[in-house]
C-alpha atoms as a PDB file:
ATOM      1  CA  MET A   1      70.510  40.715  50.019  1.00  0.00           C
ATOM      2  CA  LYS A   2      73.614  42.127  48.479  1.00  0.00           C
ATOM      3  CA  SER A   3      76.949  40.612  49.294  1.00  0.00           C
ATOM      4  CA  SER A   4      79.529  42.739  51.090  1.00  0.00           C
ATOM      5  CA  LYS A   5      82.043  42.256  48.295  1.00  0.00           C
ATOM      6  CA  THR A   6      80.032  44.235  45.752  1.00  0.00           C
ATOM      7  CA  GLN A   7      79.201  47.099  48.125  1.00  0.00           C
ATOM      8  CA  LYS A   8      81.622  50.027  48.241  1.00  0.00           C
ATOM      9  CA  LYS A   9      82.119  52.130  51.257  1.00  0.00           C
ATOM     10  CA  PRO A  10      81.158  55.756  50.790  1.00  0.00           C
ATOM     11  CA  GLY A  11      84.081  58.147  50.378  1.00  0.00           C
ATOM     12  CA  THR A  12      86.569  55.504  49.205  1.00  0.00           C
ATOM     13  CA  GLN A  13      87.786  55.154  45.652  1.00  0.00           C
ATOM     14  CA  ALA A  14      89.300  52.116  43.993  1.00  0.00           C
ATOM     15  CA  LYS A  15      92.948  52.505  43.141  1.00  0.00           C
ATOM     16  CA  ALA A  16      93.514  52.691  39.376  1.00  0.00           C
ATOM     17  CA  LYS A  17      96.258  50.485  37.997  1.00  0.00           C
ATOM     18  CA  PRO A  18      98.714  52.215  35.661  1.00  0.00           C
ATOM     19  CA  VAL A  19      98.045  51.339  31.983  1.00  0.00           C
ATOM     20  CA  THR A  20     101.045  50.937  29.660  1.00  0.00           C
ATOM     21  CA  PRO A  21     100.758  52.011  25.987  1.00  0.00           C
ATOM     22  CA  LYS A  22     100.917  48.381  24.798  1.00  0.00           C
ATOM     23  CA  LYS A  23      98.012  47.356  27.003  1.00  0.00           C
ATOM     24  CA  ALA A  24      96.003  50.369  25.870  1.00  0.00           C
ATOM     25  CA  ALA A  25      96.578  49.400  22.217  1.00  0.00           C
ATOM     26  CA  ARG A  26      95.506  45.795  22.914  1.00  0.00           C
ATOM     27  CA  ARG A  27      92.369  46.943  24.672  1.00  0.00           C
ATOM     28  CA  SER A  28      91.373  49.220  21.775  1.00  0.00           C
ATOM     29  CA  ILE A  29      91.874  46.377  19.283  1.00  0.00           C
ATOM     30  CA  LYS A  30      89.741  44.038  21.387  1.00  0.00           C
ATOM     31  CA  ARG A  31      86.982  46.596  21.639  1.00  0.00           C
ATOM     32  CA  GLU A  32      86.865  47.411  17.925  1.00  0.00           C
ATOM     33  CA  LYS A  33      86.010  44.355  15.864  1.00  0.00           C
ATOM     34  CA  PHE A  34      87.474  44.865  12.388  1.00  0.00           C
ATOM     35  CA  GLU A  35      84.788  43.980   9.850  1.00  0.00           C
ATOM     36  CA  PRO A  36      85.840  44.529   6.209  1.00  0.00           C
ATOM     37  CA  THR A  37      83.061  45.744   3.938  1.00  0.00           C
ATOM     38  CA  VAL A  38      84.588  44.346   0.731  1.00  0.00           C
ATOM     39  CA  GLY A  39      86.266  40.986   0.215  1.00  0.00           C
ATOM     40  CA  LEU A  40      86.144  37.762  -1.776  1.00  0.00           C
ATOM     41  CA  HIS A  41      84.814  35.880   1.257  1.00  0.00           C
ATOM     42  CA  LEU A  42      81.769  38.183   1.275  1.00  0.00           C
ATOM     43  CA  LEU A  43      80.717  37.414  -2.305  1.00  0.00           C
ATOM     44  CA  LYS A  44      77.451  35.532  -2.689  1.00  0.00           C
ATOM     45  CA  PRO A  45      75.570  34.403  -5.794  1.00  0.00           C
ATOM     46  CA  ALA A  46      72.562  36.456  -6.890  1.00  0.00           C
ATOM     47  CA  LYS A  47      69.292  35.495  -5.262  1.00  0.00           C
ATOM     48  CA  GLY A  48      67.628  32.668  -7.193  1.00  0.00           C
ATOM     49  CA  SER A  49      70.686  31.901  -9.368  1.00  0.00           C
ATOM     50  CA  HIS A  50      71.947  28.979  -7.280  1.00  0.00           C
ATOM     51  CA  LYS A  51      69.795  25.890  -6.917  1.00  0.00           C
ATOM     52  CA  SER A  52      70.491  23.350  -4.225  1.00  0.00           C
ATOM     53  CA  ARG A  53      71.746  19.971  -5.414  1.00  0.00           C
ATOM     54  CA  LYS A  54      69.149  17.301  -6.150  1.00  0.00           C
ATOM     55  CA  LEU A  55      69.731  14.500  -3.630  1.00  0.00           C
ATOM     56  CA  LEU A  56      68.832  11.199  -5.238  1.00  0.00           C
ATOM     57  CA  GLY A  57      68.373   7.712  -3.895  1.00  0.00           C
ATOM     58  CA  ARG A  58      66.888   8.837  -0.579  1.00  0.00           C
ATOM     59  CA  GLY A  59      63.596   6.924  -0.837  1.00  0.00           C
ATOM     60  CA  SER A  60      60.082   7.833  -1.904  1.00  0.00           C
ATOM     61  CA  SER A  61      59.597  10.439   0.854  1.00  0.00           C
ATOM     62  CA  SER A  62      62.453  12.580  -0.545  1.00  0.00           C
ATOM     63  CA  GLY A  63      60.200  14.021  -3.245  1.00  0.00           C
ATOM     64  CA  HIS A  64      62.173  12.372  -6.050  1.00  0.00           C
ATOM     65  CA  GLY A  65      60.326   9.082  -5.963  1.00  0.00           C
ATOM     66  CA  LYS A  66      61.315   5.474  -5.678  1.00  0.00           C
ATOM     67  CA  THR A  67      63.349   5.547  -8.927  1.00  0.00           C
ATOM     68  CA  SER A  68      65.089   8.895  -8.275  1.00  0.00           C
ATOM     69  CA  THR A  69      63.412  10.724 -11.210  1.00  0.00           C
ATOM     70  CA  ARG A  70      64.715   8.110 -13.708  1.00  0.00           C
ATOM     71  CA  GLY A  71      61.365   6.536 -14.579  1.00  0.00           C
ATOM     72  CA  SER A  72      61.366   2.765 -14.663  1.00  0.00           C
ATOM     73  CA  LYS A  73      64.061   0.274 -15.686  1.00  0.00           C
ATOM     74  CA  GLY A  74      65.875   0.201 -18.981  1.00  0.00           C
ATOM     75  CA  GLN A  75      68.343   2.029 -21.182  1.00  0.00           C
ATOM     76  CA  THR A  76      67.341   5.561 -20.225  1.00  0.00           C
ATOM     77  CA  SER A  77      67.531   4.872 -16.496  1.00  0.00           C
ATOM     78  CA  ARG A  78      71.188   3.834 -16.580  1.00  0.00           C
ATOM     79  CA  SER A  79      74.099   6.127 -15.800  1.00  0.00           C
ATOM     80  CA  GLY A  80      76.454   7.144 -18.603  1.00  0.00           C
ATOM     81  CA  ARG A  81      73.821   6.839 -21.302  1.00  0.00           C
ATOM     82  CA  ASP A  82      74.675   9.018 -24.278  1.00  0.00           C
ATOM     83  CA  PHE A  83      72.990   9.036 -27.692  1.00  0.00           C
ATOM     84  CA  TYR A  84      73.999  10.885 -30.814  1.00  0.00           C
ATOM     85  CA  LEU A  85      71.780  13.579 -32.307  1.00  0.00           C
ATOM     86  CA  GLY A  86      68.944  11.961 -34.241  1.00  0.00           C
ATOM     87  CA  PHE A  87      69.112   8.609 -32.407  1.00  0.00           C
ATOM     88  CA  GLU A  88      65.784   6.819 -32.740  1.00  0.00           C
ATOM     89  CA  GLY A  89      66.091   3.939 -30.291  1.00  0.00           C
ATOM     90  CA  GLY A  90      67.895   1.629 -32.688  1.00  0.00           C
ATOM     91  CA  GLN A  91      65.477   2.247 -35.599  1.00  0.00           C
ATOM     92  CA  SER A  92      67.199   3.383 -38.792  1.00  0.00           C
ATOM     93  CA  PRO A  93      67.400   7.160 -38.280  1.00  0.00           C
ATOM     94  CA  LEU A  94      65.822   9.685 -40.636  1.00  0.00           C
ATOM     95  CA  ILE A  95      69.194  10.988 -41.807  1.00  0.00           C
ATOM     96  CA  ARG A  96      70.009   7.480 -43.120  1.00  0.00           C
ATOM     97  CA  ARG A  97      66.552   6.855 -44.609  1.00  0.00           C
ATOM     98  CA  ILE A  98      66.369   9.908 -46.887  1.00  0.00           C
ATOM     99  CA  PRO A  99      68.203   9.896 -50.247  1.00  0.00           C
ATOM    100  CA  LYS A 100      71.378  11.915 -50.718  1.00  0.00           C
ATOM    101  CA  ARG A 101      72.075  13.939 -53.848  1.00  0.00           C
ATOM    102  CA  GLY A 102      74.769  16.331 -54.967  1.00  0.00           C
ATOM    103  CA  PHE A 103      78.214  17.215 -53.765  1.00  0.00           C
ATOM    104  CA  HIS A 104      79.691  20.242 -51.959  1.00  0.00           C
ATOM    105  CA  SER A 105      83.372  20.774 -52.603  1.00  0.00           C
ATOM    106  CA  PRO A 106      85.324  22.072 -49.611  1.00  0.00           C
ATOM    107  CA  PHE A 107      87.813  23.647 -52.052  1.00  0.00           C
ATOM    108  CA  LYS A 108      85.294  25.722 -54.020  1.00  0.00           C
ATOM    109  CA  LYS A 109      86.493  29.247 -54.881  1.00  0.00           C
ATOM    110  CA  GLU A 110      83.878  31.980 -54.610  1.00  0.00           C
ATOM    111  CA  TYR A 111      84.615  35.188 -56.486  1.00  0.00           C
ATOM    112  CA  GLN A 112      83.292  38.720 -56.133  1.00  0.00           C
ATOM    113  CA  VAL A 113      82.191  39.593 -59.659  1.00  0.00           C
ATOM    114  CA  VAL A 114      82.825  42.963 -61.346  1.00  0.00           C
ATOM    115  CA  ASN A 115      81.707  43.718 -64.926  1.00  0.00           C
ATOM    116  CA  LEU A 116      83.596  45.918 -67.415  1.00  0.00           C
ATOM    117  CA  ARG A 117      80.698  48.381 -67.632  1.00  0.00           C
ATOM    118  CA  ASP A 118      81.155  49.073 -63.877  1.00  0.00           C
ATOM    119  CA  LEU A 119      84.836  49.902 -64.423  1.00  0.00           C
ATOM    120  CA  ASN A 120      83.912  52.725 -66.859  1.00  0.00           C
ATOM    121  CA  LYS A 121      82.387  54.690 -63.950  1.00  0.00           C
ATOM    122  CA  ILE A 122      85.825  55.042 -62.308  1.00  0.00           C
ATOM    123  CA  LYS A 123      88.039  57.912 -63.503  1.00  0.00           C
ATOM    124  CA  GLU A 124      91.405  56.412 -62.426  1.00  0.00           C
ATOM    125  CA  GLN A 125      93.534  54.389 -64.838  1.00  0.00           C
ATOM    126  CA  ASP A 126      95.113  51.973 -62.300  1.00  0.00           C
ATOM    127  CA  LEU A 127      92.351  49.904 -60.705  1.00  0.00           C
ATOM    128  CA  THR A 128      93.455  48.066 -57.546  1.00  0.00           C
ATOM    129  CA  LEU A 129      91.346  46.067 -55.091  1.00  0.00           C
ATOM    130  CA  ASP A 130      91.449  48.920 -52.564  1.00  0.00           C
ATOM    131  CA  LEU A 131      90.084  51.331 -55.167  1.00  0.00           C
ATOM    132  CA  LEU A 132      87.319  48.884 -56.175  1.00  0.00           C
ATOM    133  CA  LYS A 133      86.300  48.567 -52.505  1.00  0.00           C
ATOM    134  CA  LYS A 134      86.379  52.335 -52.052  1.00  0.00           C
ATOM    135  CA  LYS A 135      84.061  52.791 -55.039  1.00  0.00           C
ATOM    136  CA  GLY A 136      81.689  50.093 -53.713  1.00  0.00           C
ATOM    137  CA  LEU A 137      82.199  47.511 -56.467  1.00  0.00           C
ATOM    138  CA  ILE A 138      83.466  44.801 -54.078  1.00  0.00           C
ATOM    139  CA  LYS A 139      82.741  44.159 -50.385  1.00  0.00           C
ATOM    140  CA  ASP A 140      85.980  42.621 -49.093  1.00  0.00           C
ATOM    141  CA  VAL A 141      89.561  43.139 -50.283  1.00  0.00           C
ATOM    142  CA  ARG A 142      90.661  39.792 -48.780  1.00  0.00           C
ATOM    143  CA  CYS A 143      88.206  37.768 -50.937  1.00  0.00           C
ATOM    144  CA  LEU A 144      88.807  36.755 -54.568  1.00  0.00           C
ATOM    145  CA  VAL A 145      87.760  39.137 -57.382  1.00  0.00           C
ATOM    146  CA  LYS A 146      86.909  38.177 -60.973  1.00  0.00           C
ATOM    147  CA  ILE A 147      86.403  40.601 -63.880  1.00  0.00           C
ATOM    148  CA  LEU A 148      83.714  39.597 -66.398  1.00  0.00           C
ATOM    149  CA  GLY A 149      83.369  40.892 -69.976  1.00  0.00           C
ATOM    150  CA  ASP A 150      79.849  42.380 -69.795  1.00  0.00           C
ATOM    151  CA  GLY A 151      80.131  45.880 -71.296  1.00  0.00           C
ATOM    152  CA  GLU A 152      82.869  47.764 -73.142  1.00  0.00           C
ATOM    153  CA  VAL A 153      86.082  49.471 -72.029  1.00  0.00           C
ATOM    154  CA  LYS A 154      86.386  53.102 -73.196  1.00  0.00           C
ATOM    155  CA  SER A 155      89.947  53.876 -72.023  1.00  0.00           C
ATOM    156  CA  ALA A 156      93.237  52.089 -71.424  1.00  0.00           C
ATOM    157  CA  LEU A 157      92.973  50.640 -67.905  1.00  0.00           C
ATOM    158  CA  THR A 158      95.356  48.616 -65.773  1.00  0.00           C
ATOM    159  CA  VAL A 159      93.121  46.241 -63.827  1.00  0.00           C
ATOM    160  CA  HIS A 160      94.357  44.124 -60.897  1.00  0.00           C
ATOM    161  CA  ALA A 161      92.213  41.066 -60.039  1.00  0.00           C
ATOM    162  CA  HIS A 162      92.516  37.385 -59.167  1.00  0.00           C
ATOM    163  CA  ALA A 163      90.825  36.161 -62.354  1.00  0.00           C
ATOM    164  CA  PHE A 164      89.570  37.491 -65.708  1.00  0.00           C
ATOM    165  CA  SER A 165      87.131  35.960 -68.143  1.00  0.00           C
ATOM    166  CA  LYS A 166      88.483  35.462 -71.685  1.00  0.00           C
ATOM    167  CA  SER A 167      86.240  38.187 -73.138  1.00  0.00           C
ATOM    168  CA  ALA A 168      87.131  40.657 -70.365  1.00  0.00           C
ATOM    169  CA  SER A 169      90.890  40.241 -70.798  1.00  0.00           C
ATOM    170  CA  ASP A 170      90.533  40.551 -74.625  1.00  0.00           C
ATOM    171  CA  LYS A 171      88.504  43.784 -74.356  1.00  0.00           C
ATOM    172  CA  ILE A 172      90.961  45.329 -71.858  1.00  0.00           C
ATOM    173  CA  LEU A 173      93.939  44.467 -74.121  1.00  0.00           C
ATOM    174  CA  GLN A 174      92.155  45.811 -77.251  1.00  0.00           C
ATOM    175  CA  ALA A 175      91.565  49.131 -75.461  1.00  0.00           C
ATOM    176  CA  GLY A 176      95.321  49.360 -74.741  1.00  0.00           C
ATOM    177  CA  GLY A 177      95.175  48.392 -71.074  1.00  0.00           C
ATOM    178  CA  LYS A 178      96.588  45.583 -68.959  1.00  0.00           C
ATOM    179  CA  ALA A 179      94.891  42.714 -67.115  1.00  0.00           C
ATOM    180  CA  GLU A 180      97.196  41.888 -64.192  1.00  0.00           C
ATOM    181  CA  ILE A 181      96.467  38.721 -62.221  1.00  0.00           C
ATOM    182  CA  ILE A 182      97.000  38.877 -58.445  1.00  0.00           C
ATOM    183  CA  THR A 183      98.392  35.715 -56.870  1.00  0.00           C
ATOM    184  CA  LEU A 184      97.032  34.566 -53.517  1.00  0.00           C
ATOM    185  CA  THR A 185     100.396  35.214 -51.778  1.00  0.00           C
ATOM    186  CA  GLU A 186     100.290  38.871 -52.860  1.00  0.00           C
ATOM    187  CA  ASN A 187      96.713  39.202 -51.608  1.00  0.00           C
ATOM    188  CA  LYS A 188      97.605  38.064 -48.045  1.00  0.00           C
ATOM    189  CA  LYS A 189     100.280  40.776 -47.606  1.00  0.00           C
END
């Protein structure tokens, strides 16, 4: 049976309460749930990129065994263990057993080498590092350049380089040219 409170008498209408603009605005906000489509709180890692943390020390039924994936007792089972590259368990490592020979100087100067016969191919009289790079005789203007005396000089050239061999500077001077040495401070500018 239905209660008498829920039944309405035919022909009667419920009186509507007046709604103020503030109440109407509140009602519309309550009805519409604001769900942003973009936001930092909605970011999630790509599927499969995030692994759950390995819980250790939870007994043999945890899947990580009695010793928590550390094997048995000893040096490798302890926390904070850290060995250098090539550590062989206390045995004299290979790097100390093999003989050492030679020496590598950290101050070694490596030059880009240009021969005098290569300079004859260039038509200009004033040969700078930029021109040598443009003609393909050197790879990098910032690196050191040395002129060697292989070949002959046909015209009077002014050559700029960081170093000259004795024979190269003699041949350039005999042809009426100049061998100008570039200092490292000039090269950096």
